[in-house]
């Protein structure tokens, strides 16, 4: 179940009041994970925009749509809104584990504690997208997205560190669109 703070509900109502759409829903999807927790996509969409498998329910008069793959990670979550000097923003208080299986949690821990601290000195980051059948699927971001040395980083760094410590991981796959980086392949 998802909960709203009073401030979050008021902000949602404000945004809805400025929309021409007569029937809005709040759509939430978890789009990534990192050392600071889950990364979310939060949108106001027409209520009819739910997809097969999405979880749809009501919270404080709002229709909420949770993307199917995010449902297991959205139990007892609170959506809040923080006012800041230069505006503000929504935030989630999510008590759930980043991953539901121990293997993914182990890979995430290595990325957070050993890999990202090293590549952050180059302005880069790696996000674990999924673990399936011995394959850790990752995405590069920041300075690593589009970097010409990304294959070396993946094979000689990321892959070696993870596979040496977690023998259940057989391959590491990079799903990043490196051509879309800031300085592709320079």
N, C-alpha and C. Protein backbone atom coordinates (compact mmCIF):
# COMPACT_ATOMS: atom_id res chain seq x y z
N UNK A 1 0.83 -1.18 0.00
CA UNK A 1 0.00 0.00 0.00
C UNK A 1 0.88 1.25 0.00
N UNK A 2 0.47 2.24 -0.72
CA UNK A 2 1.16 3.51 -0.81
C UNK A 2 0.41 4.53 0.03
N UNK A 3 1.15 5.41 0.66
CA UNK A 3 0.57 6.48 1.47
C UNK A 3 1.10 7.81 0.97
N UNK A 4 0.30 8.88 1.14
CA UNK A 4 0.72 10.24 0.82
C UNK A 4 0.84 11.03 2.11
N UNK A 5 1.87 11.89 2.18
CA UNK A 5 1.86 12.89 3.24
C UNK A 5 0.84 13.95 2.83
N UNK A 6 0.41 14.75 3.77
CA UNK A 6 -0.56 15.81 3.46
C UNK A 6 0.00 16.77 2.41
N UNK A 7 1.28 17.12 2.55
CA UNK A 7 1.91 18.05 1.61
C UNK A 7 1.97 17.45 0.21
N UNK A 8 2.29 16.16 0.10
CA UNK A 8 2.35 15.51 -1.21
C UNK A 8 0.97 15.52 -1.87
N UNK A 9 -0.06 15.18 -1.11
CA UNK A 9 -1.41 15.17 -1.67
C UNK A 9 -1.80 16.57 -2.14
N UNK A 10 -1.47 17.59 -1.35
CA UNK A 10 -1.79 18.97 -1.74
C UNK A 10 -1.08 19.35 -3.04
N UNK A 11 0.19 18.95 -3.18
CA UNK A 11 0.95 19.27 -4.40
C UNK A 11 0.36 18.53 -5.60
N UNK A 12 -0.01 17.27 -5.42
CA UNK A 12 -0.65 16.53 -6.51
C UNK A 12 -1.94 17.22 -6.93
N UNK A 13 -2.73 17.65 -5.96
CA UNK A 13 -3.98 18.36 -6.26
C UNK A 13 -3.71 19.66 -7.02
N UNK A 14 -2.64 20.36 -6.63
CA UNK A 14 -2.25 21.60 -7.33
C UNK A 14 -1.92 21.32 -8.79
N UNK A 15 -1.09 20.29 -9.02
CA UNK A 15 -0.70 19.95 -10.39
C UNK A 15 -1.91 19.52 -11.21
N UNK A 16 -2.81 18.76 -10.60
CA UNK A 16 -4.01 18.30 -11.31
C UNK A 16 -4.90 19.48 -11.68
N UNK A 17 -5.00 20.46 -10.80
CA UNK A 17 -5.84 21.63 -11.06
C UNK A 17 -5.35 22.43 -12.26
N UNK A 18 -4.06 22.36 -12.55
CA UNK A 18 -3.51 23.13 -13.67
C UNK A 18 -3.51 22.32 -14.97
N UNK A 19 -4.07 21.12 -14.95
CA UNK A 19 -4.10 20.26 -16.13
C UNK A 19 -5.45 20.35 -16.83
N UNK A 20 -5.42 20.15 -18.14
CA UNK A 20 -6.66 20.12 -18.93
C UNK A 20 -7.29 18.73 -18.91
N UNK A 21 -6.54 17.73 -18.46
CA UNK A 21 -7.03 16.34 -18.42
C UNK A 21 -8.04 16.20 -17.29
N UNK A 22 -9.25 15.73 -17.59
CA UNK A 22 -10.29 15.65 -16.56
C UNK A 22 -10.08 14.53 -15.53
N UNK A 23 -9.39 13.48 -15.92
CA UNK A 23 -9.24 12.33 -15.03
C UNK A 23 -7.78 11.90 -14.99
N UNK A 24 -7.04 12.40 -14.01
CA UNK A 24 -5.61 12.09 -13.91
C UNK A 24 -5.36 10.99 -12.89
N UNK A 25 -4.31 10.23 -13.16
CA UNK A 25 -3.82 9.22 -12.22
C UNK A 25 -2.35 9.48 -11.98
N UNK A 26 -1.86 9.01 -10.85
CA UNK A 26 -0.44 9.09 -10.54
C UNK A 26 0.18 7.76 -10.91
N UNK A 27 1.10 7.78 -11.87
CA UNK A 27 1.77 6.55 -12.31
C UNK A 27 3.18 6.53 -11.76
N UNK A 28 3.54 5.41 -11.13
CA UNK A 28 4.85 5.27 -10.49
C UNK A 28 5.53 4.02 -11.01
N UNK A 29 6.80 4.17 -11.37
CA UNK A 29 7.62 3.03 -11.77
C UNK A 29 9.01 3.18 -11.16
N UNK A 30 9.57 2.08 -10.70
CA UNK A 30 10.96 2.08 -10.26
C UNK A 30 11.80 1.86 -11.51
N UNK A 31 12.72 2.79 -11.78
CA UNK A 31 13.50 2.73 -13.01
C UNK A 31 14.97 2.44 -12.76
N UNK A 32 15.36 2.35 -11.51
CA UNK A 32 16.74 2.04 -11.20
C UNK A 32 16.96 1.93 -9.71
N UNK A 33 18.17 1.54 -9.37
CA UNK A 33 18.55 1.39 -7.97
C UNK A 33 19.99 1.87 -7.84
N UNK A 34 20.32 2.36 -6.67
CA UNK A 34 21.68 2.79 -6.42
C UNK A 34 21.94 2.89 -4.94
N UNK A 35 23.09 3.40 -4.60
CA UNK A 35 23.46 3.46 -3.19
C UNK A 35 22.51 4.35 -2.38
N UNK A 36 21.78 5.23 -3.04
CA UNK A 36 20.81 6.08 -2.34
C UNK A 36 19.39 5.53 -2.40
N UNK A 37 19.24 4.30 -2.86
CA UNK A 37 17.93 3.67 -2.90
C UNK A 37 17.37 3.56 -4.30
N UNK A 38 16.06 3.45 -4.36
CA UNK A 38 15.37 3.31 -5.64
C UNK A 38 15.34 4.64 -6.38
N UNK A 39 15.29 4.55 -7.70
CA UNK A 39 15.08 5.72 -8.56
C UNK A 39 13.71 5.54 -9.20
N UNK A 40 12.92 6.59 -9.20
CA UNK A 40 11.52 6.49 -9.60
C UNK A 40 11.21 7.35 -10.82
N UNK A 41 10.22 6.90 -11.57
CA UNK A 41 9.58 7.71 -12.59
C UNK A 41 8.18 7.99 -12.06
N UNK A 42 7.85 9.23 -11.90
CA UNK A 42 6.59 9.66 -11.31
C UNK A 42 5.91 10.58 -12.32
N UNK A 43 4.70 10.19 -12.78
CA UNK A 43 4.01 10.97 -13.81
C UNK A 43 2.53 11.11 -13.48
N UNK A 44 1.97 12.22 -13.90
CA UNK A 44 0.52 12.37 -13.90
C UNK A 44 0.07 12.03 -15.31
N UNK A 45 -0.79 11.02 -15.41
CA UNK A 45 -1.22 10.51 -16.71
C UNK A 45 -2.75 10.38 -16.72
N UNK A 46 -3.34 10.31 -17.91
CA UNK A 46 -4.78 10.01 -17.95
C UNK A 46 -5.04 8.67 -17.25
N UNK A 47 -6.12 8.58 -16.53
CA UNK A 47 -6.43 7.37 -15.77
C UNK A 47 -6.46 6.12 -16.63
N UNK A 48 -6.75 6.27 -17.90
CA UNK A 48 -6.83 5.12 -18.80
C UNK A 48 -5.46 4.60 -19.25
N UNK A 49 -4.37 5.24 -18.80
CA UNK A 49 -3.03 4.87 -19.27
C UNK A 49 -2.42 3.66 -18.57
N UNK A 50 -3.16 2.94 -17.79
CA UNK A 50 -2.63 1.75 -17.13
C UNK A 50 -2.38 0.66 -18.18
N UNK A 51 -1.35 -0.15 -17.94
CA UNK A 51 -1.03 -1.26 -18.83
C UNK A 51 -1.40 -2.57 -18.15
N UNK A 52 -1.55 -3.61 -18.95
CA UNK A 52 -1.85 -4.93 -18.39
C UNK A 52 -0.80 -5.30 -17.35
N UNK A 53 -1.25 -5.75 -16.20
CA UNK A 53 -0.34 -6.16 -15.13
C UNK A 53 -0.05 -5.07 -14.12
N UNK A 54 -0.32 -3.81 -14.47
CA UNK A 54 -0.11 -2.72 -13.51
C UNK A 54 -1.08 -2.88 -12.34
N UNK A 55 -0.66 -2.42 -11.18
CA UNK A 55 -1.52 -2.43 -9.99
C UNK A 55 -2.22 -1.07 -9.93
N UNK A 56 -3.54 -1.07 -9.83
CA UNK A 56 -4.32 0.17 -9.80
C UNK A 56 -5.15 0.19 -8.53
N UNK A 57 -5.05 1.29 -7.78
CA UNK A 57 -5.81 1.43 -6.53
C UNK A 57 -6.00 2.90 -6.22
N UNK A 58 -6.78 3.19 -5.19
CA UNK A 58 -7.09 4.56 -4.80
C UNK A 58 -6.35 4.92 -3.51
N UNK A 59 -5.81 6.13 -3.46
CA UNK A 59 -5.18 6.68 -2.26
C UNK A 59 -5.64 8.12 -2.12
N UNK A 60 -6.29 8.45 -1.03
CA UNK A 60 -6.71 9.82 -0.75
C UNK A 60 -7.39 10.50 -1.94
N UNK A 61 -8.27 9.76 -2.62
CA UNK A 61 -9.00 10.32 -3.75
C UNK A 61 -8.25 10.29 -5.06
N UNK A 62 -7.04 9.76 -5.08
CA UNK A 62 -6.24 9.67 -6.29
C UNK A 62 -6.20 8.24 -6.80
N UNK A 63 -6.30 8.09 -8.12
CA UNK A 63 -6.03 6.79 -8.73
C UNK A 63 -4.52 6.67 -8.87
N UNK A 64 -3.98 5.57 -8.36
CA UNK A 64 -2.54 5.33 -8.42
C UNK A 64 -2.31 4.10 -9.29
N UNK A 65 -1.36 4.21 -10.21
CA UNK A 65 -0.97 3.11 -11.08
C UNK A 65 0.49 2.78 -10.77
N UNK A 66 0.74 1.54 -10.33
CA UNK A 66 2.11 1.10 -10.08
C UNK A 66 2.49 0.14 -11.20
N UNK A 67 3.61 0.42 -11.88
CA UNK A 67 4.07 -0.45 -12.96
C UNK A 67 4.28 -1.87 -12.43
N UNK A 68 3.92 -2.84 -13.25
CA UNK A 68 3.93 -4.24 -12.83
C UNK A 68 5.24 -4.67 -12.17
N UNK A 69 6.38 -4.34 -12.78
CA UNK A 69 7.67 -4.78 -12.22
C UNK A 69 8.02 -4.07 -10.92
N UNK A 70 7.37 -2.97 -10.62
CA UNK A 70 7.65 -2.21 -9.40
C UNK A 70 6.81 -2.64 -8.22
N UNK A 71 5.71 -3.33 -8.47
CA UNK A 71 4.75 -3.68 -7.42
C UNK A 71 5.40 -4.35 -6.21
N UNK A 72 6.29 -5.34 -6.38
CA UNK A 72 6.85 -6.01 -5.19
C UNK A 72 7.68 -5.10 -4.29
N UNK A 73 8.10 -3.95 -4.81
CA UNK A 73 8.97 -3.05 -4.07
C UNK A 73 8.24 -1.81 -3.53
N UNK A 74 6.92 -1.80 -3.62
CA UNK A 74 6.16 -0.60 -3.25
C UNK A 74 5.25 -0.81 -2.05
N UNK A 75 5.53 -1.81 -1.22
CA UNK A 75 4.71 -2.07 -0.05
C UNK A 75 5.09 -1.12 1.10
N UNK A 76 4.11 -0.48 1.69
CA UNK A 76 4.30 0.45 2.82
C UNK A 76 5.20 1.64 2.49
N UNK A 77 5.06 2.16 1.29
CA UNK A 77 5.84 3.31 0.83
C UNK A 77 5.05 4.59 1.07
N UNK A 78 5.74 5.64 1.48
CA UNK A 78 5.12 6.95 1.67
C UNK A 78 5.69 7.94 0.67
N UNK A 79 4.81 8.61 -0.06
CA UNK A 79 5.20 9.68 -0.97
C UNK A 79 5.07 10.99 -0.23
N UNK A 80 6.17 11.73 -0.19
CA UNK A 80 6.17 13.03 0.46
C UNK A 80 6.59 14.12 -0.51
N UNK A 81 6.55 15.35 -0.04
CA UNK A 81 7.00 16.49 -0.83
C UNK A 81 7.80 17.38 0.09
N UNK A 82 9.02 17.74 -0.32
CA UNK A 82 9.87 18.62 0.48
C UNK A 82 9.99 19.96 -0.21
N UNK A 83 9.67 21.00 0.54
CA UNK A 83 9.87 22.36 0.05
C UNK A 83 11.34 22.71 0.23
N UNK A 84 11.91 23.35 -0.80
CA UNK A 84 13.31 23.77 -0.74
C UNK A 84 13.41 25.22 -1.19
N UNK A 85 14.54 25.82 -0.95
CA UNK A 85 14.76 27.21 -1.32
C UNK A 85 14.47 27.46 -2.80
N UNK A 86 14.91 26.56 -3.65
CA UNK A 86 14.74 26.72 -5.10
C UNK A 86 13.61 25.85 -5.63
N UNK A 87 12.52 25.71 -4.89
CA UNK A 87 11.39 24.91 -5.34
C UNK A 87 11.10 23.78 -4.37
N UNK A 88 11.17 22.59 -4.84
CA UNK A 88 10.89 21.42 -4.01
C UNK A 88 10.72 20.21 -4.89
N UNK A 89 10.40 19.11 -4.25
CA UNK A 89 10.21 17.90 -5.04
C UNK A 89 9.63 16.77 -4.24
N UNK A 90 9.09 15.82 -4.96
CA UNK A 90 8.54 14.62 -4.34
C UNK A 90 9.68 13.71 -3.92
N UNK A 91 9.45 12.96 -2.87
CA UNK A 91 10.43 11.97 -2.42
C UNK A 91 9.67 10.78 -1.85
N UNK A 92 10.32 9.64 -1.86
CA UNK A 92 9.70 8.41 -1.37
C UNK A 92 10.42 7.94 -0.12
N UNK A 93 9.67 7.51 0.85
CA UNK A 93 10.21 6.80 2.01
C UNK A 93 9.84 5.34 1.76
N UNK A 94 10.83 4.55 1.34
CA UNK A 94 10.58 3.17 0.93
C UNK A 94 11.41 2.22 1.79
N UNK A 95 10.75 1.44 2.65
CA UNK A 95 11.47 0.54 3.55
C UNK A 95 11.89 -0.78 2.91
N UNK A 96 11.56 -1.00 1.66
CA UNK A 96 11.81 -2.28 1.01
C UNK A 96 13.26 -2.44 0.58
N UNK A 97 13.71 -3.68 0.55
CA UNK A 97 15.04 -4.02 0.07
C UNK A 97 15.11 -3.70 -1.42
N UNK A 98 16.30 -3.28 -1.89
CA UNK A 98 16.46 -2.94 -3.30
C UNK A 98 16.19 -4.12 -4.23
N UNK A 99 16.45 -5.30 -3.76
CA UNK A 99 16.25 -6.51 -4.56
C UNK A 99 15.57 -7.56 -3.71
N UNK A 100 14.81 -8.43 -4.33
CA UNK A 100 14.09 -9.46 -3.60
C UNK A 100 14.89 -10.75 -3.47
N UNK A 101 15.99 -10.85 -4.20
CA UNK A 101 16.78 -12.07 -4.09
C UNK A 101 18.19 -11.75 -3.60
N UNK A 102 18.79 -12.71 -2.93
CA UNK A 102 20.09 -12.50 -2.30
C UNK A 102 21.20 -12.27 -3.32
N UNK A 103 21.16 -12.95 -4.47
CA UNK A 103 22.20 -12.79 -5.47
C UNK A 103 22.24 -11.35 -5.99
N UNK A 104 21.10 -10.80 -6.32
CA UNK A 104 21.04 -9.40 -6.79
C UNK A 104 21.52 -8.45 -5.71
N UNK A 105 21.16 -8.70 -4.46
CA UNK A 105 21.63 -7.86 -3.35
C UNK A 105 23.14 -7.90 -3.23
N UNK A 106 23.75 -9.08 -3.43
CA UNK A 106 25.21 -9.19 -3.35
C UNK A 106 25.89 -8.41 -4.48
N UNK A 107 25.35 -8.51 -5.70
CA UNK A 107 25.90 -7.76 -6.83
C UNK A 107 25.76 -6.26 -6.57
N UNK A 108 24.59 -5.84 -6.10
CA UNK A 108 24.36 -4.42 -5.80
C UNK A 108 25.37 -3.91 -4.77
N UNK A 109 25.64 -4.70 -3.75
CA UNK A 109 26.57 -4.29 -2.70
C UNK A 109 27.98 -4.09 -3.26
N UNK A 110 28.42 -4.97 -4.14
CA UNK A 110 29.75 -4.82 -4.76
C UNK A 110 29.79 -3.56 -5.63
N UNK A 111 28.73 -3.32 -6.40
CA UNK A 111 28.68 -2.11 -7.23
C UNK A 111 28.75 -0.86 -6.35
N UNK A 112 27.97 -0.84 -5.28
CA UNK A 112 27.92 0.33 -4.39
C UNK A 112 29.22 0.56 -3.64
N UNK A 113 29.82 -0.52 -3.15
CA UNK A 113 30.97 -0.38 -2.24
C UNK A 113 32.32 -0.44 -2.93
N UNK A 114 32.41 -1.10 -4.09
CA UNK A 114 33.72 -1.29 -4.71
C UNK A 114 33.85 -0.67 -6.10
N UNK A 115 32.81 -0.74 -6.89
CA UNK A 115 32.92 -0.29 -8.28
C UNK A 115 32.61 1.20 -8.43
N UNK A 116 31.45 1.63 -7.96
CA UNK A 116 31.09 3.04 -8.13
C UNK A 116 32.04 4.02 -7.46
N UNK A 117 32.59 3.72 -6.28
CA UNK A 117 33.57 4.67 -5.73
C UNK A 117 34.78 4.87 -6.64
N UNK A 118 35.20 3.83 -7.35
CA UNK A 118 36.35 3.94 -8.26
C UNK A 118 36.04 4.72 -9.52
N UNK A 119 34.90 4.44 -10.14
CA UNK A 119 34.60 5.13 -11.40
C UNK A 119 34.01 6.51 -11.19
N UNK A 120 33.60 6.81 -9.95
CA UNK A 120 33.07 8.15 -9.69
C UNK A 120 34.15 9.21 -9.83
N UNK A 121 35.42 8.82 -9.66
CA UNK A 121 36.51 9.79 -9.83
C UNK A 121 36.62 10.26 -11.28
N UNK A 122 36.01 9.51 -12.20
CA UNK A 122 35.97 9.90 -13.61
C UNK A 122 34.59 10.45 -13.98
N UNK A 123 33.75 10.66 -12.97
CA UNK A 123 32.42 11.19 -13.21
C UNK A 123 31.42 10.15 -13.66
N UNK A 124 31.76 8.87 -13.48
CA UNK A 124 30.89 7.80 -13.95
C UNK A 124 30.14 7.10 -12.85
N UNK A 125 29.19 6.28 -13.27
CA UNK A 125 28.42 5.47 -12.35
C UNK A 125 27.91 4.24 -13.09
N UNK A 126 27.66 3.18 -12.33
CA UNK A 126 27.07 1.96 -12.89
C UNK A 126 25.83 1.63 -12.07
N UNK A 127 24.76 1.27 -12.76
CA UNK A 127 23.52 0.88 -12.12
C UNK A 127 23.22 -0.57 -12.47
N UNK A 128 22.88 -1.36 -11.46
CA UNK A 128 22.43 -2.73 -11.70
C UNK A 128 20.98 -2.66 -12.15
N UNK A 129 20.71 -3.22 -13.33
CA UNK A 129 19.36 -3.20 -13.89
C UNK A 129 18.61 -4.47 -13.50
N UNK A 130 19.31 -5.61 -13.57
CA UNK A 130 18.67 -6.89 -13.26
C UNK A 130 19.73 -7.98 -13.17
N UNK A 131 19.34 -9.10 -12.60
CA UNK A 131 20.17 -10.31 -12.60
C UNK A 131 19.26 -11.44 -13.06
N UNK A 132 19.66 -12.08 -14.17
CA UNK A 132 18.86 -13.17 -14.74
C UNK A 132 19.78 -14.31 -15.16
N UNK A 133 19.51 -15.50 -14.64
CA UNK A 133 20.19 -16.72 -15.06
C UNK A 133 21.70 -16.54 -15.14
N UNK A 134 22.30 -15.98 -14.11
CA UNK A 134 23.75 -15.81 -14.05
C UNK A 134 24.28 -14.61 -14.81
N UNK A 135 23.42 -13.79 -15.35
CA UNK A 135 23.83 -12.60 -16.09
C UNK A 135 23.45 -11.35 -15.30
N UNK A 136 24.45 -10.56 -14.93
CA UNK A 136 24.20 -9.27 -14.29
C UNK A 136 24.08 -8.22 -15.39
N UNK A 137 22.95 -7.57 -15.46
CA UNK A 137 22.69 -6.57 -16.49
C UNK A 137 22.90 -5.20 -15.87
N UNK A 138 23.81 -4.41 -16.46
CA UNK A 138 24.16 -3.11 -15.91
C UNK A 138 23.97 -2.02 -16.94
N UNK A 139 23.93 -0.80 -16.44
CA UNK A 139 23.85 0.38 -17.29
C UNK A 139 24.86 1.40 -16.76
N UNK A 140 25.64 1.97 -17.67
CA UNK A 140 26.61 3.00 -17.30
C UNK A 140 25.97 4.37 -17.40
N UNK A 141 26.40 5.29 -16.55
CA UNK A 141 25.89 6.65 -16.58
C UNK A 141 26.99 7.65 -16.32
N UNK A 142 26.64 8.92 -16.37
CA UNK A 142 27.61 9.98 -16.12
C UNK A 142 28.71 9.95 -17.17
N UNK A 143 29.95 10.12 -16.71
CA UNK A 143 31.09 10.16 -17.61
C UNK A 143 31.37 8.85 -18.32
N UNK A 144 30.80 7.75 -17.85
CA UNK A 144 31.00 6.45 -18.50
C UNK A 144 30.10 6.26 -19.72
N UNK A 145 29.01 7.01 -19.78
CA UNK A 145 28.07 6.85 -20.90
C UNK A 145 28.69 7.48 -22.14
N UNK A 146 29.04 6.64 -23.10
CA UNK A 146 29.66 7.12 -24.32
C UNK A 146 31.17 7.15 -24.28
N UNK A 147 31.77 6.77 -23.17
CA UNK A 147 33.23 6.79 -23.04
C UNK A 147 33.85 5.69 -23.91
N UNK A 148 34.94 6.01 -24.59
CA UNK A 148 35.59 5.03 -25.47
C UNK A 148 36.26 3.91 -24.67
N UNK A 149 36.50 4.11 -23.39
CA UNK A 149 37.15 3.09 -22.56
C UNK A 149 36.15 2.22 -21.80
N UNK A 150 34.86 2.34 -22.13
CA UNK A 150 33.85 1.62 -21.36
C UNK A 150 34.02 0.10 -21.46
N UNK A 151 34.43 -0.41 -22.62
CA UNK A 151 34.63 -1.85 -22.75
C UNK A 151 35.75 -2.35 -21.86
N UNK A 152 36.80 -1.56 -21.73
CA UNK A 152 37.91 -1.93 -20.84
C UNK A 152 37.44 -1.90 -19.40
N UNK A 153 36.69 -0.86 -19.04
CA UNK A 153 36.14 -0.77 -17.68
C UNK A 153 35.25 -1.96 -17.38
N UNK A 154 34.41 -2.34 -18.34
CA UNK A 154 33.50 -3.46 -18.13
C UNK A 154 34.26 -4.77 -17.98
N UNK A 155 35.15 -5.08 -18.91
CA UNK A 155 35.85 -6.38 -18.91
C UNK A 155 36.92 -6.47 -17.82
N UNK A 156 37.77 -5.46 -17.71
CA UNK A 156 38.90 -5.54 -16.78
C UNK A 156 38.58 -5.05 -15.38
N UNK A 157 37.49 -4.35 -15.23
CA UNK A 157 37.14 -3.83 -13.92
C UNK A 157 35.88 -4.48 -13.38
N UNK A 158 34.75 -4.06 -13.89
CA UNK A 158 33.45 -4.48 -13.38
C UNK A 158 33.30 -6.00 -13.41
N UNK A 159 33.52 -6.58 -14.58
CA UNK A 159 33.32 -8.02 -14.73
C UNK A 159 34.26 -8.81 -13.82
N UNK A 160 35.52 -8.43 -13.78
CA UNK A 160 36.50 -9.14 -12.96
C UNK A 160 36.14 -9.07 -11.48
N UNK A 161 35.81 -7.89 -10.99
CA UNK A 161 35.49 -7.71 -9.57
C UNK A 161 34.26 -8.55 -9.19
N UNK A 162 33.21 -8.45 -9.99
CA UNK A 162 31.97 -9.16 -9.65
C UNK A 162 32.15 -10.67 -9.77
N UNK A 163 32.71 -11.15 -10.89
CA UNK A 163 32.84 -12.59 -11.10
C UNK A 163 33.82 -13.23 -10.12
N UNK A 164 34.85 -12.50 -9.70
CA UNK A 164 35.79 -13.05 -8.71
C UNK A 164 35.11 -13.28 -7.36
N UNK A 165 34.16 -12.43 -7.02
CA UNK A 165 33.53 -12.51 -5.70
C UNK A 165 32.20 -13.26 -5.70
N UNK A 166 31.58 -13.36 -6.86
CA UNK A 166 30.28 -14.04 -6.95
C UNK A 166 30.34 -15.02 -8.13
N UNK A 167 30.78 -16.25 -7.87
CA UNK A 167 30.93 -17.22 -8.97
C UNK A 167 29.62 -17.56 -9.69
N UNK A 168 28.48 -17.29 -9.05
CA UNK A 168 27.19 -17.55 -9.71
C UNK A 168 26.95 -16.63 -10.90
N UNK A 169 27.67 -15.50 -10.94
CA UNK A 169 27.55 -14.57 -12.06
C UNK A 169 28.51 -15.04 -13.16
N UNK A 170 27.93 -15.36 -14.31
CA UNK A 170 28.70 -15.90 -15.43
C UNK A 170 29.06 -14.80 -16.42
N UNK A 171 28.13 -13.88 -16.66
CA UNK A 171 28.37 -12.79 -17.61
C UNK A 171 27.85 -11.47 -17.04
N UNK A 172 28.41 -10.39 -17.58
CA UNK A 172 27.94 -9.04 -17.28
C UNK A 172 27.55 -8.43 -18.62
N UNK A 173 26.33 -7.93 -18.73
CA UNK A 173 25.86 -7.30 -19.97
C UNK A 173 25.62 -5.82 -19.74
N UNK A 174 26.11 -5.02 -20.67
CA UNK A 174 25.91 -3.57 -20.63
C UNK A 174 24.80 -3.21 -21.60
N UNK A 175 23.72 -2.61 -21.08
CA UNK A 175 22.60 -2.23 -21.95
C UNK A 175 22.56 -0.73 -22.24
N UNK A 176 23.64 -0.03 -21.91
CA UNK A 176 23.69 1.42 -22.09
C UNK A 176 23.70 1.80 -23.57
N UNK A 177 22.98 2.85 -23.92
CA UNK A 177 23.06 3.43 -25.26
C UNK A 177 24.21 4.44 -25.24
N UNK A 178 25.42 3.94 -25.49
CA UNK A 178 26.60 4.80 -25.37
C UNK A 178 26.65 5.90 -26.43
N UNK A 179 26.00 5.70 -27.55
CA UNK A 179 25.98 6.73 -28.59
C UNK A 179 25.22 7.97 -28.14
N UNK A 180 24.39 7.83 -27.10
CA UNK A 180 23.61 8.97 -26.61
C UNK A 180 24.34 9.73 -25.51
N UNK A 181 25.57 9.37 -25.22
CA UNK A 181 26.32 10.03 -24.15
C UNK A 181 26.69 11.46 -24.50
N UNK A 182 27.20 12.20 -23.49
CA UNK A 182 27.58 13.60 -23.68
C UNK A 182 28.69 13.75 -24.71
N UNK A 183 29.70 12.91 -24.63
CA UNK A 183 30.83 12.93 -25.55
C UNK A 183 31.04 11.52 -26.09
N UNK A 184 30.15 11.04 -26.94
CA UNK A 184 30.23 9.65 -27.37
C UNK A 184 31.59 9.29 -27.97
N UNK A 185 32.16 8.26 -27.39
CA UNK A 185 33.36 7.60 -27.91
C UNK A 185 34.55 8.53 -28.12
N UNK A 186 34.72 9.47 -27.21
CA UNK A 186 35.90 10.34 -27.33
C UNK A 186 36.95 9.94 -26.31
